[in-house]
Protein backbone atom coordinates (compact mmCIF):
# COMPACT_ATOMS: atom_id res chain seq x y z
CA MET A 1 -9.09 38.10 -22.81
CA LYS A 2 -7.17 37.89 -26.07
CA MET A 3 -7.46 35.03 -28.46
CA LEU A 4 -4.41 32.80 -28.71
CA LEU A 5 -3.69 33.95 -32.25
CA ASN A 6 -3.58 37.59 -31.15
CA MET A 7 -1.17 37.02 -28.23
CA THR A 8 2.52 37.65 -28.38
CA GLN A 9 4.88 34.91 -27.27
CA ASP A 10 5.54 36.67 -23.94
CA GLU A 11 1.83 37.16 -23.25
CA PHE A 12 1.18 33.49 -24.01
CA PHE A 13 3.93 32.29 -21.63
CA ASP A 14 2.77 34.68 -18.89
CA ARG A 15 -0.78 33.37 -19.17
CA LEU A 16 0.50 29.78 -19.19
CA LYS A 17 2.51 30.44 -15.98
CA GLU A 18 -0.58 31.91 -14.32
CA CYS A 19 -2.65 28.86 -15.20
CA PHE A 20 -0.03 26.45 -13.86
CA ALA A 21 0.36 28.47 -10.66
CA GLU A 22 -3.40 28.42 -10.08
CA ALA A 23 -3.58 24.69 -10.71
CA LEU A 24 -0.64 23.81 -8.46
CA PHE A 25 -1.21 26.11 -5.52
CA ALA A 26 -4.96 26.62 -5.36
CA PRO A 27 -6.50 24.75 -2.42
CA ASN A 28 -9.16 22.25 -3.37
CA PRO A 29 -11.64 21.87 -0.49
CA ASP A 30 -13.24 18.78 -2.04
CA GLU A 31 -10.08 16.70 -1.68
CA GLY A 32 -9.22 15.31 1.72
CA VAL A 33 -5.72 14.56 2.84
CA LYS A 34 -4.81 11.06 1.73
CA VAL A 35 -2.67 9.12 4.15
CA LYS A 36 -1.00 5.96 2.98
CA LYS A 37 -1.19 3.17 5.51
CA HIS A 38 1.93 1.25 6.42
CA TYR A 39 1.40 -2.47 6.98
CA VAL A 40 3.74 -5.24 8.01
CA TYR A 41 2.99 -8.87 7.36
CA GLY A 42 3.51 -11.87 9.58
CA LEU A 43 5.32 -12.30 12.84
CA GLN A 44 8.64 -11.54 11.15
CA GLY A 45 7.26 -8.19 9.94
CA LEU A 46 6.26 -7.39 13.50
CA CYS A 47 9.78 -8.36 14.65
CA ASP A 48 11.32 -6.00 12.10
CA LEU A 49 8.95 -3.19 13.08
CA LEU A 50 9.63 -3.49 16.79
CA GLY A 51 13.28 -4.47 16.49
CA CYS A 52 12.89 -7.50 18.72
CA SER A 53 13.07 -11.27 18.61
CA THR A 54 10.33 -13.56 17.33
CA ALA A 55 9.58 -14.68 20.88
CA THR A 56 9.17 -11.10 22.12
CA ALA A 57 6.98 -10.13 19.13
CA SER A 58 4.83 -13.20 19.76
CA ARG A 59 4.50 -12.30 23.45
CA ILE A 60 3.48 -8.71 22.60
CA LYS A 61 0.92 -10.00 20.09
CA ARG A 62 -0.54 -12.46 22.61
CA SER A 63 -0.67 -9.80 25.36
CA GLY A 64 -3.50 -8.00 23.56
CA VAL A 65 -1.81 -4.60 23.64
CA ILE A 66 -1.86 -4.26 19.85
CA ASP A 67 -5.06 -6.22 19.10
CA ALA A 68 -6.66 -3.16 17.45
CA ALA A 69 -3.80 -3.03 14.94
CA ILE A 70 -3.85 -6.73 14.03
CA SER A 71 -5.96 -8.50 11.44
CA GLN A 72 -5.52 -12.25 11.38
CA VAL A 73 -7.20 -14.97 9.37
CA GLY A 74 -5.72 -18.36 10.04
CA LYS A 75 -1.97 -18.08 9.75
CA ILE A 76 -2.04 -14.78 7.82
CA ILE A 77 -1.22 -11.79 10.04
CA VAL A 78 -1.46 -8.17 8.88
CA VAL A 79 -0.42 -5.40 11.27
CA ASP A 80 -1.11 -1.68 10.85
CA ALA A 81 2.39 -0.51 11.76
CA ASP A 82 1.57 3.08 12.72
CA LEU A 83 -1.36 2.06 14.92
CA ALA A 84 0.67 -0.71 16.58
CA LEU A 85 3.46 1.71 17.47
CA ASP A 86 0.94 4.22 18.85
CA LEU A 87 -0.71 1.53 20.98
CA ILE A 88 2.63 0.37 22.35
CA LYS A 89 3.62 3.96 23.19
CA ALA A 90 0.29 4.52 24.96
CA LYS A 91 0.76 1.42 27.11
CA LYS A 92 2.45 2.28 30.36
CA PRO A 93 5.45 0.07 31.12
CA HIS A 94 5.25 -2.13 34.19
CA LYS A 95 8.04 -1.73 36.71
CA ARG A 96 9.48 -4.99 37.91
CA GLN A 97 9.42 -5.54 41.60
CA GLY A 98 12.66 -7.09 42.81
CA ASN A 99 12.98 -9.27 45.87
CA ASN A 100 14.69 -7.12 48.44
CA LYS A 101 15.76 -9.49 51.19
């Protein structure tokens, strides 16, 4: 490898490009994939997430379907949005039985 003082301008830029390419595209096995969590706060946040009324969001919360996604201390409610949506999708919808007279 040449010393920096002995390199031409073109050689220097080529070496610089190689270093940047290695740094940007080389896989690093030590780093895991970082996933940013998406949280919503309060009953209104749950309403916005589900696109429903406050009464419906409250009913879903009380039903226990999304209990794994909810953290609540007193009046403070924090919902893991992605987990809540997954839990709701996994829940099978109940078919209403009509009165056929």
